[in-house]
Amino acid sequence: MPVTNVQSTYAALNEKSSVVTANEAGSADRFLKLLVAQMQNQDPLAPMDNAQVTSQMAQINTVTGIEKLNTTVQGLQGNFVQMQALQGAALVGRDVVVPGNKMDMDNGVGVGGFELNSAADNVRVEVLGPGGHVLDTLDLGAQTAGMHSFDWTAGANAAATGVTFRVSATSGSVKLEATALMRDRVEAVNTSGDTLQLELQKAGNVAYSQVKAFN
């Protein structure tokens, strides 16, 4: 199945909600017992006034309210993950762009990409063979900040497999951070803990949050 663990996640959420509810009831019961015991054993010459009793009752109401709010937020988070999983199922069979340096080859043409945090005076891409040796070098010149893609015509290297690439960028004499991006295909999605994971053809499991673009 493309989407896994959905039912088990719902069951876990329901079980967790039951435990939290029981804990809330236990906390309130213990507080009331302590308050009653305090009132029964108070100094007759200096009894608790109404303000003290009201203050302590307000405290238990505040604690109970916070616990209920936490339970609600946890439930919403679980529902959000499940909604993401259902939406993610629609991505199965589609291409996405994620961080990575594996060249996507099709009919002798390789496709790759990169992301720059700031504008660069010069960007260079080195295409690497399976052994790490340089097959070709692409000088892409000045590039703006953001995501970019490039094509590489394999030519005599059309039969090469396991082709990767690395990106370097500079602004004057300063080396800039450049993140290599690759195109990959979604084979399945799954929920792991409280995050949505995409199972990709080349990169394996990648968090949904790592997706830079959809094709």
N, C-alpha and C. Protein backbone atom coordinates (compact mmCIF):
# COMPACT_ATOMS: atom_id res chain seq x y z
N MET A 1 0.84 -1.20 0.00
CA MET A 1 0.00 0.00 0.00
C MET A 1 0.87 1.24 0.00
N PRO A 2 0.51 2.28 -0.75
CA PRO A 2 1.29 3.51 -0.75
C PRO A 2 1.32 4.18 0.60
N VAL A 3 0.19 4.19 1.30
CA VAL A 3 0.14 4.82 2.60
C VAL A 3 0.09 3.74 3.65
N THR A 4 1.03 3.74 4.58
CA THR A 4 1.11 2.71 5.60
C THR A 4 1.00 3.30 6.97
N ASN A 5 0.63 2.44 7.91
CA ASN A 5 0.58 2.78 9.33
C ASN A 5 -0.47 3.82 9.68
N VAL A 6 -1.43 4.13 8.80
CA VAL A 6 -2.44 5.14 9.09
C VAL A 6 -3.36 4.67 10.19
N GLN A 7 -3.87 3.42 10.05
CA GLN A 7 -4.79 2.90 11.06
C GLN A 7 -4.09 2.73 12.40
N SER A 8 -2.86 2.23 12.38
CA SER A 8 -2.14 2.03 13.64
C SER A 8 -1.87 3.36 14.32
N THR A 9 -1.64 4.42 13.53
CA THR A 9 -1.40 5.74 14.12
C THR A 9 -2.65 6.28 14.78
N TYR A 10 -3.81 6.09 14.13
CA TYR A 10 -5.07 6.51 14.75
C TYR A 10 -5.32 5.77 16.05
N ALA A 11 -5.04 4.44 16.05
CA ALA A 11 -5.24 3.67 17.27
C ALA A 11 -4.36 4.17 18.40
N ALA A 12 -3.12 4.50 18.05
CA ALA A 12 -2.18 5.01 19.06
C ALA A 12 -2.67 6.34 19.62
N LEU A 13 -3.23 7.19 18.75
CA LEU A 13 -3.73 8.47 19.21
C LEU A 13 -4.91 8.29 20.16
N ASN A 14 -5.81 7.36 19.83
CA ASN A 14 -6.96 7.11 20.69
C ASN A 14 -6.53 6.58 22.04
N GLU A 15 -5.56 5.65 22.02
CA GLU A 15 -5.07 5.09 23.27
C GLU A 15 -4.41 6.15 24.12
N LYS A 16 -3.62 7.04 23.47
CA LYS A 16 -2.94 8.11 24.18
C LYS A 16 -3.94 9.07 24.79
N SER A 17 -5.03 9.37 24.04
CA SER A 17 -6.06 10.27 24.53
C SER A 17 -6.73 9.70 25.77
N SER A 18 -6.97 8.38 25.79
CA SER A 18 -7.60 7.74 26.95
C SER A 18 -6.70 7.83 28.17
N VAL A 19 -5.40 7.65 27.96
CA VAL A 19 -4.45 7.72 29.08
C VAL A 19 -4.41 9.12 29.65
N VAL A 20 -4.39 10.13 28.76
CA VAL A 20 -4.34 11.52 29.21
C VAL A 20 -5.60 11.88 30.00
N THR A 21 -6.78 11.40 29.51
CA THR A 21 -8.03 11.69 30.21
C THR A 21 -8.02 11.09 31.60
N ALA A 22 -7.52 9.86 31.72
CA ALA A 22 -7.44 9.22 33.02
C ALA A 22 -6.50 9.97 33.95
N ASN A 23 -5.40 10.47 33.39
CA ASN A 23 -4.44 11.23 34.19
C ASN A 23 -5.06 12.53 34.69
N GLU A 24 -5.85 13.19 33.83
CA GLU A 24 -6.51 14.42 34.23
C GLU A 24 -7.44 14.17 35.42
N ALA A 25 -8.26 13.11 35.30
CA ALA A 25 -9.21 12.80 36.37
C ALA A 25 -8.47 12.48 37.67
N GLY A 26 -7.35 11.74 37.55
CA GLY A 26 -6.57 11.39 38.73
C GLY A 26 -5.97 12.60 39.40
N SER A 27 -5.47 13.54 38.58
CA SER A 27 -4.87 14.77 39.14
C SER A 27 -5.90 15.60 39.88
N ALA A 28 -7.09 15.76 39.29
CA ALA A 28 -8.15 16.54 39.93
C ALA A 28 -8.60 15.89 41.23
N ASP A 29 -8.73 14.55 41.21
CA ASP A 29 -9.17 13.83 42.41
C ASP A 29 -8.16 13.99 43.55
N ARG A 30 -6.87 13.87 43.23
CA ARG A 30 -5.83 14.01 44.25
C ARG A 30 -5.82 15.43 44.82
N PHE A 31 -6.01 16.42 43.94
CA PHE A 31 -6.01 17.81 44.40
C PHE A 31 -7.17 18.07 45.37
N LEU A 32 -8.35 17.58 45.02
CA LEU A 32 -9.52 17.79 45.88
C LEU A 32 -9.36 17.10 47.22
N LYS A 33 -8.79 15.90 47.22
CA LYS A 33 -8.56 15.18 48.47
C LYS A 33 -7.60 15.96 49.37
N LEU A 34 -6.53 16.52 48.77
CA LEU A 34 -5.58 17.32 49.55
C LEU A 34 -6.24 18.58 50.10
N LEU A 35 -7.10 19.21 49.27
CA LEU A 35 -7.77 20.43 49.72
C LEU A 35 -8.71 20.14 50.89
N VAL A 36 -9.47 19.04 50.78
CA VAL A 36 -10.39 18.66 51.86
C VAL A 36 -9.61 18.35 53.14
N ALA A 37 -8.51 17.59 53.00
CA ALA A 37 -7.70 17.26 54.17
C ALA A 37 -7.12 18.51 54.81
N GLN A 38 -6.73 19.46 53.97
CA GLN A 38 -6.18 20.71 54.49
C GLN A 38 -7.24 21.49 55.27
N MET A 39 -8.45 21.51 54.76
CA MET A 39 -9.52 22.23 55.43
C MET A 39 -9.92 21.55 56.75
N GLN A 40 -9.90 20.19 56.73
CA GLN A 40 -10.27 19.45 57.94
C GLN A 40 -9.24 19.60 59.05
N ASN A 41 -8.00 19.82 58.68
CA ASN A 41 -6.92 19.88 59.66
C ASN A 41 -6.38 21.30 59.86
N GLN A 42 -7.14 22.29 59.43
CA GLN A 42 -6.67 23.66 59.58
C GLN A 42 -6.76 24.11 61.04
N ASP A 43 -6.01 25.13 61.33
CA ASP A 43 -6.00 25.71 62.68
C ASP A 43 -7.33 26.44 62.91
N PRO A 44 -8.12 26.01 63.92
CA PRO A 44 -9.41 26.66 64.16
C PRO A 44 -9.26 28.15 64.46
N LEU A 45 -8.10 28.54 65.00
CA LEU A 45 -7.90 29.94 65.35
C LEU A 45 -7.46 30.78 64.14
N ALA A 46 -7.03 30.08 63.09
CA ALA A 46 -6.61 30.80 61.88
C ALA A 46 -7.08 30.02 60.66
N PRO A 47 -8.39 29.93 60.46
CA PRO A 47 -8.93 29.14 59.34
C PRO A 47 -8.61 29.79 57.98
N MET A 48 -8.65 28.94 56.96
CA MET A 48 -8.45 29.45 55.60
C MET A 48 -9.57 30.41 55.23
N ASP A 49 -9.23 31.52 54.57
CA ASP A 49 -10.28 32.43 54.13
C ASP A 49 -10.75 32.05 52.73
N ASN A 50 -11.82 32.69 52.31
CA ASN A 50 -12.41 32.38 51.00
C ASN A 50 -11.44 32.61 49.86
N ALA A 51 -10.59 33.62 50.01
CA ALA A 51 -9.64 33.94 48.94
C ALA A 51 -8.67 32.80 48.72
N GLN A 52 -8.21 32.16 49.84
CA GLN A 52 -7.27 31.04 49.72
C GLN A 52 -7.93 29.85 49.02
N VAL A 53 -9.17 29.53 49.44
CA VAL A 53 -9.88 28.42 48.82
C VAL A 53 -10.12 28.68 47.34
N THR A 54 -10.57 29.90 47.03
CA THR A 54 -10.82 30.26 45.63
C THR A 54 -9.54 30.18 44.81
N SER A 55 -8.41 30.63 45.39
CA SER A 55 -7.13 30.60 44.68
C SER A 55 -6.72 29.17 44.35
N GLN A 56 -6.89 28.26 45.33
CA GLN A 56 -6.50 26.87 45.09
C GLN A 56 -7.42 26.19 44.08
N MET A 57 -8.72 26.51 44.12
CA MET A 57 -9.64 25.96 43.13
C MET A 57 -9.30 26.47 41.73
N ALA A 58 -8.88 27.73 41.66
CA ALA A 58 -8.49 28.30 40.37
C ALA A 58 -7.26 27.60 39.82
N GLN A 59 -6.35 27.20 40.72
CA GLN A 59 -5.13 26.52 40.29
C GLN A 59 -5.46 25.19 39.63
N ILE A 60 -6.36 24.40 40.25
CA ILE A 60 -6.69 23.10 39.65
C ILE A 60 -7.41 23.29 38.33
N ASN A 61 -8.24 24.34 38.22
CA ASN A 61 -8.92 24.60 36.95
C ASN A 61 -7.92 24.97 35.86
N THR A 62 -6.89 25.76 36.27
CA THR A 62 -5.86 26.16 35.31
C THR A 62 -5.07 24.96 34.82
N VAL A 63 -4.67 24.09 35.75
CA VAL A 63 -3.90 22.89 35.38
C VAL A 63 -4.71 21.99 34.47
N THR A 64 -5.99 21.78 34.83
CA THR A 64 -6.85 20.94 34.01
C THR A 64 -7.03 21.53 32.62
N GLY A 65 -7.18 22.87 32.56
CA GLY A 65 -7.34 23.52 31.26
C GLY A 65 -6.11 23.37 30.38
N ILE A 66 -4.93 23.48 30.99
CA ILE A 66 -3.69 23.32 30.23
C ILE A 66 -3.55 21.90 29.71
N GLU A 67 -3.91 20.90 30.55
CA GLU A 67 -3.82 19.51 30.12
C GLU A 67 -4.77 19.24 28.96
N LYS A 68 -5.98 19.82 29.03
CA LYS A 68 -6.93 19.63 27.93
C LYS A 68 -6.43 20.30 26.66
N LEU A 69 -5.81 21.49 26.81
CA LEU A 69 -5.26 22.18 25.65
C LEU A 69 -4.15 21.36 25.01
N ASN A 70 -3.27 20.78 25.83
CA ASN A 70 -2.19 19.94 25.31
C ASN A 70 -2.75 18.74 24.56
N THR A 71 -3.81 18.14 25.13
CA THR A 71 -4.44 16.98 24.48
C THR A 71 -5.01 17.37 23.13
N THR A 72 -5.66 18.55 23.09
CA THR A 72 -6.25 19.02 21.84
C THR A 72 -5.18 19.27 20.79
N VAL A 73 -4.08 19.91 21.20
CA VAL A 73 -2.99 20.20 20.26
C VAL A 73 -2.38 18.91 19.73
N GLN A 74 -2.18 17.92 20.62
CA GLN A 74 -1.63 16.64 20.18
C GLN A 74 -2.56 15.95 19.20
N GLY A 75 -3.86 16.04 19.45
CA GLY A 75 -4.82 15.44 18.53
C GLY A 75 -4.79 16.12 17.17
N LEU A 76 -4.69 17.45 17.17
CA LEU A 76 -4.62 18.19 15.92
C LEU A 76 -3.36 17.85 15.14
N GLN A 77 -2.25 17.67 15.86
CA GLN A 77 -0.99 17.32 15.21
C GLN A 77 -1.11 15.96 14.54
N GLY A 78 -1.73 15.01 15.26
CA GLY A 78 -1.92 13.68 14.67
C GLY A 78 -2.80 13.73 13.44
N ASN A 79 -3.88 14.53 13.51
CA ASN A 79 -4.77 14.66 12.36
C ASN A 79 -4.06 15.32 11.18
N PHE A 80 -3.18 16.28 11.48
CA PHE A 80 -2.44 16.96 10.43
C PHE A 80 -1.52 15.99 9.70
N VAL A 81 -0.85 15.11 10.45
CA VAL A 81 0.04 14.13 9.83
C VAL A 81 -0.76 13.20 8.92
N GLN A 82 -1.95 12.77 9.38
CA GLN A 82 -2.76 11.88 8.56
C GLN A 82 -3.26 12.57 7.30
N MET A 83 -3.60 13.86 7.42
CA MET A 83 -4.00 14.62 6.23
C MET A 83 -2.85 14.72 5.25
N GLN A 84 -1.63 14.92 5.79
CA GLN A 84 -0.45 14.95 4.92
C GLN A 84 -0.26 13.62 4.22
N ALA A 85 -0.49 12.52 4.94
CA ALA A 85 -0.32 11.19 4.35
C ALA A 85 -1.30 10.98 3.21
N LEU A 86 -2.54 11.40 3.40
CA LEU A 86 -3.53 11.25 2.33
C LEU A 86 -3.17 12.11 1.13
N GLN A 87 -2.68 13.32 1.38
CA GLN A 87 -2.25 14.18 0.28
C GLN A 87 -1.00 13.61 -0.38
N GLY A 88 -0.10 13.05 0.45
CA GLY A 88 1.13 12.48 -0.08
C GLY A 88 0.87 11.30 -0.99
N ALA A 89 -0.22 10.57 -0.74
CA ALA A 89 -0.55 9.41 -1.59
C ALA A 89 -0.73 9.83 -3.04
N ALA A 90 -1.18 11.06 -3.25
CA ALA A 90 -1.36 11.56 -4.61
C ALA A 90 -0.03 11.79 -5.32
N LEU A 91 1.07 11.80 -4.56
CA LEU A 91 2.39 12.03 -5.16
C LEU A 91 3.02 10.75 -5.70
N VAL A 92 2.48 9.60 -5.33
CA VAL A 92 3.06 8.32 -5.78
C VAL A 92 3.07 8.27 -7.31
N GLY A 93 4.25 7.98 -7.85
CA GLY A 93 4.40 7.94 -9.29
C GLY A 93 4.82 9.27 -9.90
N ARG A 94 4.85 10.33 -9.08
CA ARG A 94 5.25 11.64 -9.59
C ARG A 94 6.69 11.95 -9.20
N ASP A 95 7.26 12.94 -9.87
CA ASP A 95 8.64 13.35 -9.60
C ASP A 95 8.65 14.52 -8.63
N VAL A 96 9.66 14.53 -7.77
CA VAL A 96 9.87 15.64 -6.83
C VAL A 96 11.33 16.05 -6.89
N VAL A 97 11.60 17.25 -6.40
CA VAL A 97 12.98 17.76 -6.34
C VAL A 97 13.38 17.81 -4.87
N VAL A 98 14.47 17.10 -4.54
CA VAL A 98 14.95 17.02 -3.15
C VAL A 98 16.46 17.23 -3.14
N PRO A 99 17.03 17.53 -1.97
CA PRO A 99 18.49 17.63 -1.88
C PRO A 99 19.15 16.31 -2.26
N GLY A 100 20.16 16.36 -3.09
CA GLY A 100 20.86 15.16 -3.54
C GLY A 100 21.67 15.45 -4.78
N ASN A 101 22.61 14.57 -5.11
CA ASN A 101 23.53 14.86 -6.23
C ASN A 101 23.53 13.77 -7.30
N LYS A 102 22.47 12.97 -7.38
CA LYS A 102 22.41 11.93 -8.41
C LYS A 102 21.77 12.50 -9.68
N MET A 103 22.48 12.38 -10.78
CA MET A 103 22.01 12.91 -12.05
C MET A 103 20.84 12.08 -12.57
N ASP A 104 19.79 12.76 -13.03
CA ASP A 104 18.65 12.08 -13.63
C ASP A 104 18.90 12.00 -15.14
N MET A 105 19.17 10.79 -15.63
CA MET A 105 19.52 10.59 -17.03
C MET A 105 18.32 10.14 -17.84
N ASP A 106 18.15 10.72 -19.04
CA ASP A 106 17.07 10.34 -19.93
C ASP A 106 17.50 10.60 -21.37
N ASN A 107 17.63 9.51 -22.14
CA ASN A 107 18.02 9.60 -23.55
C ASN A 107 19.31 10.39 -23.75
N GLY A 108 20.31 10.10 -22.91
CA GLY A 108 21.61 10.73 -23.07
C GLY A 108 21.71 12.14 -22.54
N VAL A 109 20.68 12.62 -21.87
CA VAL A 109 20.71 13.98 -21.29
C VAL A 109 20.49 13.86 -19.79
N GLY A 110 21.40 14.47 -19.02
CA GLY A 110 21.28 14.46 -17.57
C GLY A 110 20.68 15.76 -17.07
N VAL A 111 19.89 15.66 -16.01
CA VAL A 111 19.27 16.84 -15.42
C VAL A 111 19.63 16.90 -13.94
N GLY A 112 20.04 18.07 -13.50
CA GLY A 112 20.35 18.29 -12.08
C GLY A 112 19.94 19.68 -11.68
N GLY A 113 20.19 20.02 -10.43
CA GLY A 113 19.83 21.35 -9.97
C GLY A 113 20.63 21.76 -8.76
N PHE A 114 20.41 22.98 -8.32
CA PHE A 114 21.12 23.49 -7.13
C PHE A 114 20.34 24.66 -6.57
N GLU A 115 20.64 24.98 -5.32
CA GLU A 115 20.00 26.12 -4.65
C GLU A 115 21.07 26.99 -4.03
N LEU A 116 20.96 28.30 -4.24
CA LEU A 116 21.91 29.26 -3.70
C LEU A 116 21.22 30.14 -2.66
N ASN A 117 21.89 30.36 -1.54
CA ASN A 117 21.35 31.24 -0.51
C ASN A 117 21.50 32.71 -0.88
N SER A 118 22.47 33.00 -1.73
CA SER A 118 22.69 34.37 -2.18
C SER A 118 23.22 34.35 -3.61
N ALA A 119 23.17 35.49 -4.28
CA ALA A 119 23.60 35.57 -5.68
C ALA A 119 25.09 35.25 -5.81
N ALA A 120 25.44 34.60 -6.92
CA ALA A 120 26.83 34.20 -7.16
C ALA A 120 27.34 34.82 -8.46
N ASP A 121 28.64 35.16 -8.45
CA ASP A 121 29.27 35.68 -9.68
C ASP A 121 29.56 34.54 -10.66
N ASN A 122 29.82 33.37 -10.10
CA ASN A 122 30.15 32.23 -10.96
C ASN A 122 29.72 30.93 -10.29
N VAL A 123 29.09 30.07 -11.07
CA VAL A 123 28.68 28.75 -10.60
C VAL A 123 29.27 27.70 -11.52
N ARG A 124 29.87 26.69 -10.92
CA ARG A 124 30.47 25.61 -11.70
C ARG A 124 29.90 24.27 -11.25
N VAL A 125 29.57 23.43 -12.23
CA VAL A 125 29.07 22.08 -11.95
C VAL A 125 30.04 21.07 -12.54
N GLU A 126 30.49 20.15 -11.70
CA GLU A 126 31.35 19.06 -12.16
C GLU A 126 30.54 17.78 -12.20
N VAL A 127 30.49 17.15 -13.35
CA VAL A 127 29.77 15.90 -13.53
C VAL A 127 30.74 14.75 -13.26
N LEU A 128 30.35 13.85 -12.36
CA LEU A 128 31.25 12.79 -11.91
C LEU A 128 30.76 11.41 -12.32
N GLY A 129 31.73 10.56 -12.70
CA GLY A 129 31.43 9.18 -13.02
C GLY A 129 31.29 8.34 -11.75
N PRO A 130 30.97 7.04 -11.89
CA PRO A 130 30.78 6.17 -10.73
C PRO A 130 31.98 6.13 -9.79
N GLY A 131 33.18 6.27 -10.34
CA GLY A 131 34.39 6.22 -9.52
C GLY A 131 34.77 7.55 -8.93
N GLY A 132 33.99 8.59 -9.20
CA GLY A 132 34.30 9.91 -8.66
C GLY A 132 35.15 10.77 -9.58
N HIS A 133 35.53 10.24 -10.74
CA HIS A 133 36.35 11.03 -11.67
C HIS A 133 35.46 12.00 -12.44
N VAL A 134 36.02 13.13 -12.84
CA VAL A 134 35.27 14.18 -13.52
C VAL A 134 35.06 13.82 -14.99
N LEU A 135 33.79 13.74 -15.39
CA LEU A 135 33.45 13.46 -16.79
C LEU A 135 33.35 14.75 -17.60
N ASP A 136 32.87 15.80 -16.96
CA ASP A 136 32.66 17.06 -17.68
C ASP A 136 32.52 18.19 -16.66
N THR A 137 32.73 19.40 -17.11
CA THR A 137 32.59 20.58 -16.26
C THR A 137 31.72 21.60 -16.97
N LEU A 138 30.72 22.13 -16.23
CA LEU A 138 29.81 23.13 -16.78
C LEU A 138 30.03 24.44 -16.05
N ASP A 139 30.38 25.49 -16.80
CA ASP A 139 30.51 26.83 -16.22
C ASP A 139 29.20 27.57 -16.49
N LEU A 140 28.42 27.80 -15.44
CA LEU A 140 27.09 28.39 -15.60
C LEU A 140 27.08 29.90 -15.39
N GLY A 141 28.25 30.48 -15.06
CA GLY A 141 28.33 31.93 -14.91
C GLY A 141 27.58 32.45 -13.70
N ALA A 142 27.14 33.70 -13.79
CA ALA A 142 26.46 34.34 -12.66
C ALA A 142 25.05 33.79 -12.52
N GLN A 143 24.62 33.60 -11.27
CA GLN A 143 23.29 33.06 -10.98
C GLN A 143 22.70 33.80 -9.79
N THR A 144 21.40 33.98 -9.82
CA THR A 144 20.71 34.66 -8.73
C THR A 144 20.48 33.69 -7.57
N ALA A 145 20.09 34.23 -6.41
CA ALA A 145 19.75 33.38 -5.27
C ALA A 145 18.47 32.60 -5.59
N GLY A 146 18.37 31.39 -5.04
CA GLY A 146 17.19 30.56 -5.27
C GLY A 146 17.56 29.25 -5.95
N MET A 147 16.54 28.58 -6.49
CA MET A 147 16.73 27.28 -7.12
C MET A 147 16.95 27.42 -8.62
N HIS A 148 17.83 26.57 -9.16
CA HIS A 148 18.15 26.56 -10.59
C HIS A 148 18.31 25.12 -11.05
N SER A 149 18.10 24.89 -12.34
CA SER A 149 18.31 23.57 -12.92
C SER A 149 19.27 23.69 -14.10
N PHE A 150 19.83 22.57 -14.50
CA PHE A 150 20.74 22.56 -15.65
C PHE A 150 20.63 21.22 -16.36
N ASP A 151 20.98 21.23 -17.64
CA ASP A 151 21.02 20.00 -18.45
C ASP A 151 22.45 19.70 -18.83
N TRP A 152 22.73 18.41 -18.92
CA TRP A 152 24.06 17.98 -19.35
C TRP A 152 23.91 16.94 -20.45
N THR A 153 24.49 17.23 -21.61
CA THR A 153 24.46 16.28 -22.73
C THR A 153 25.61 15.29 -22.56
N ALA A 154 25.26 14.04 -22.35
CA ALA A 154 26.28 13.04 -22.03
C ALA A 154 27.23 12.76 -23.19
N GLY A 155 26.73 12.80 -24.42
CA GLY A 155 27.59 12.53 -25.57
C GLY A 155 28.24 11.17 -25.51
N ALA A 156 29.58 11.14 -25.49
CA ALA A 156 30.31 9.86 -25.45
C ALA A 156 30.08 9.12 -24.14
N ASN A 157 29.56 9.80 -23.13
CA ASN A 157 29.32 9.18 -21.82
C ASN A 157 27.86 8.76 -21.64
N ALA A 158 27.14 8.64 -22.75
CA ALA A 158 25.71 8.35 -22.69
C ALA A 158 25.43 7.02 -21.99
N ALA A 159 26.37 6.09 -22.06
CA ALA A 159 26.15 4.77 -21.45
C ALA A 159 26.54 4.75 -19.98
N ALA A 160 27.09 5.83 -19.48
CA ALA A 160 27.56 5.86 -18.09
C ALA A 160 26.37 5.75 -17.12
N THR A 161 26.59 4.99 -16.05
CA THR A 161 25.57 4.84 -15.01
C THR A 161 26.10 5.37 -13.69
N GLY A 162 25.21 5.65 -12.76
CA GLY A 162 25.63 6.15 -11.45
C GLY A 162 26.30 7.50 -11.53
N VAL A 163 25.87 8.34 -12.47
CA VAL A 163 26.48 9.67 -12.64
C VAL A 163 25.99 10.61 -11.53
N THR A 164 26.91 11.33 -10.91
CA THR A 164 26.57 12.32 -9.89
C THR A 164 27.18 13.67 -10.29
N PHE A 165 26.98 14.67 -9.45
CA PHE A 165 27.55 15.98 -9.74
C PHE A 165 27.79 16.74 -8.44
N ARG A 166 28.66 17.74 -8.51
CA ARG A 166 28.89 18.63 -7.38
C ARG A 166 28.91 20.06 -7.88
N VAL A 167 28.45 20.95 -7.02
CA VAL A 167 28.26 22.35 -7.40
C VAL A 167 29.14 23.23 -6.53
N SER A 168 29.81 24.19 -7.12
CA SER A 168 30.58 25.18 -6.38
C SER A 168 30.17 26.57 -6.86
N ALA A 169 30.10 27.52 -5.94
CA ALA A 169 29.68 28.87 -6.29
C ALA A 169 30.54 29.87 -5.54
N THR A 170 30.83 30.97 -6.20
CA THR A 170 31.65 32.02 -5.58
C THR A 170 31.06 33.40 -5.87
N SER A 171 31.35 34.32 -4.96
CA SER A 171 31.03 35.73 -5.16
C SER A 171 32.32 36.49 -4.90
N GLY A 172 32.97 36.91 -5.96
CA GLY A 172 34.32 37.45 -5.83
C GLY A 172 35.24 36.34 -5.39
N SER A 173 35.93 36.54 -4.26
CA SER A 173 36.82 35.50 -3.74
C SER A 173 36.15 34.68 -2.63
N VAL A 174 34.88 34.96 -2.37
CA VAL A 174 34.17 34.27 -1.29
C VAL A 174 33.43 33.06 -1.83
N LYS A 175 33.65 31.92 -1.18
CA LYS A 175 32.94 30.70 -1.57
C LYS A 175 31.56 30.69 -0.93
N LEU A 176 30.53 30.44 -1.73
CA LEU A 176 29.15 30.46 -1.26
C LEU A 176 28.63 29.04 -1.04
N GLU A 177 27.60 28.95 -0.20
CA GLU A 177 26.97 27.65 0.03
C GLU A 177 26.04 27.33 -1.13
N ALA A 178 26.20 26.16 -1.69
CA ALA A 178 25.36 25.71 -2.80
C ALA A 178 24.87 24.30 -2.49
N THR A 179 23.55 24.11 -2.49
CA THR A 179 22.95 22.81 -2.19
C THR A 179 22.58 22.11 -3.48
N ALA A 180 23.13 20.93 -3.72
CA ALA A 180 22.80 20.15 -4.91
C ALA A 180 21.38 19.62 -4.78
N LEU A 181 20.63 19.68 -5.88
CA LEU A 181 19.26 19.18 -5.91
C LEU A 181 19.11 18.16 -7.02
N MET A 182 18.30 17.15 -6.78
CA MET A 182 18.09 16.11 -7.78
C MET A 182 16.61 15.80 -7.96
N ARG A 183 16.28 15.28 -9.12
CA ARG A 183 14.90 14.87 -9.38
C ARG A 183 14.77 13.38 -9.06
N ASP A 184 13.72 13.04 -8.35
CA ASP A 184 13.51 11.66 -7.94
C ASP A 184 12.03 11.33 -8.03
N ARG A 185 11.72 10.04 -8.05
CA ARG A 185 10.32 9.60 -8.19
C ARG A 185 9.80 9.02 -6.89
N VAL A 186 8.57 9.40 -6.53
CA VAL A 186 7.94 8.90 -5.31
C VAL A 186 7.35 7.52 -5.57
N GLU A 187 7.80 6.52 -4.80
CA GLU A 187 7.28 5.17 -4.93
C GLU A 187 6.23 4.85 -3.88
N ALA A 188 6.31 5.48 -2.71
CA ALA A 188 5.34 5.24 -1.64
C ALA A 188 5.51 6.33 -0.59
N VAL A 189 4.54 6.42 0.31
CA VAL A 189 4.63 7.34 1.44
C VAL A 189 4.29 6.58 2.71
N ASN A 190 4.83 7.03 3.82
CA ASN A 190 4.50 6.39 5.09
C ASN A 190 4.63 7.40 6.22
N THR A 191 3.96 7.11 7.32
CA THR A 191 4.07 7.95 8.50
C THR A 191 5.00 7.27 9.48
N SER A 192 6.00 8.00 9.92
CA SER A 192 6.96 7.49 10.90
C SER A 192 6.96 8.43 12.09
N GLY A 193 6.38 7.96 13.22
CA GLY A 193 6.24 8.84 14.38
C GLY A 193 5.24 9.93 14.05
N ASP A 194 5.66 11.17 14.10
CA ASP A 194 4.76 12.28 13.80
C ASP A 194 5.18 13.03 12.55
N THR A 195 5.93 12.34 11.65
CA THR A 195 6.37 12.97 10.41
C THR A 195 5.98 12.12 9.22
N LEU A 196 5.81 12.77 8.07
CA LEU A 196 5.49 12.08 6.84
C LEU A 196 6.78 11.84 6.06
N GLN A 197 6.99 10.59 5.63
CA GLN A 197 8.18 10.21 4.89
C GLN A 197 7.79 9.81 3.47
N LEU A 198 8.58 10.26 2.50
CA LEU A 198 8.42 9.82 1.11
C LEU A 198 9.46 8.76 0.81
N GLU A 199 9.04 7.66 0.21
CA GLU A 199 9.97 6.61 -0.21
C GLU A 199 10.31 6.87 -1.68
N LEU A 200 11.54 7.33 -1.93
CA LEU A 200 11.95 7.73 -3.27
C LEU A 200 12.76 6.64 -3.95
N GLN A 201 12.70 6.64 -5.26
CA GLN A 201 13.36 5.61 -6.07
C GLN A 201 14.86 5.59 -5.88
N LYS A 202 15.49 6.76 -5.81
CA LYS A 202 16.95 6.84 -5.71
C LYS A 202 17.43 7.17 -4.31
N ALA A 203 16.77 8.11 -3.66
CA ALA A 203 17.26 8.62 -2.38
C ALA A 203 16.75 7.85 -1.17
N GLY A 204 15.80 6.93 -1.36
CA GLY A 204 15.25 6.20 -0.22
C GLY A 204 14.26 7.06 0.54
N ASN A 205 14.22 6.91 1.86
CA ASN A 205 13.28 7.67 2.69
C ASN A 205 13.74 9.11 2.86
N VAL A 206 12.85 10.04 2.55
CA VAL A 206 13.13 11.46 2.69
C VAL A 206 11.93 12.11 3.34
N ALA A 207 12.16 12.99 4.31
CA ALA A 207 11.07 13.69 4.97
C ALA A 207 10.33 14.58 3.97
N TYR A 208 9.02 14.62 4.12
CA TYR A 208 8.19 15.44 3.23
C TYR A 208 8.65 16.90 3.24
N SER A 209 9.13 17.35 4.39
CA SER A 209 9.57 18.75 4.53
C SER A 209 10.79 19.06 3.69
N GLN A 210 11.52 18.01 3.22
CA GLN A 210 12.71 18.23 2.43
C GLN A 210 12.41 18.48 0.94
N VAL A 211 11.17 18.26 0.53
CA VAL A 211 10.81 18.44 -0.88
C VAL A 211 10.88 19.92 -1.24
N LYS A 212 11.62 20.21 -2.30
CA LYS A 212 11.81 21.60 -2.74
C LYS A 212 10.80 21.98 -3.83
N ALA A 213 10.39 20.99 -4.66
CA ALA A 213 9.46 21.27 -5.75
C ALA A 213 8.82 19.98 -6.20
N PHE A 214 7.68 20.10 -6.87
CA PHE A 214 6.95 18.95 -7.42
C PHE A 214 6.92 19.08 -8.94
N ASN A 215 7.13 17.96 -9.62
CA ASN A 215 7.09 17.97 -11.08
C ASN A 215 5.87 17.18 -11.57
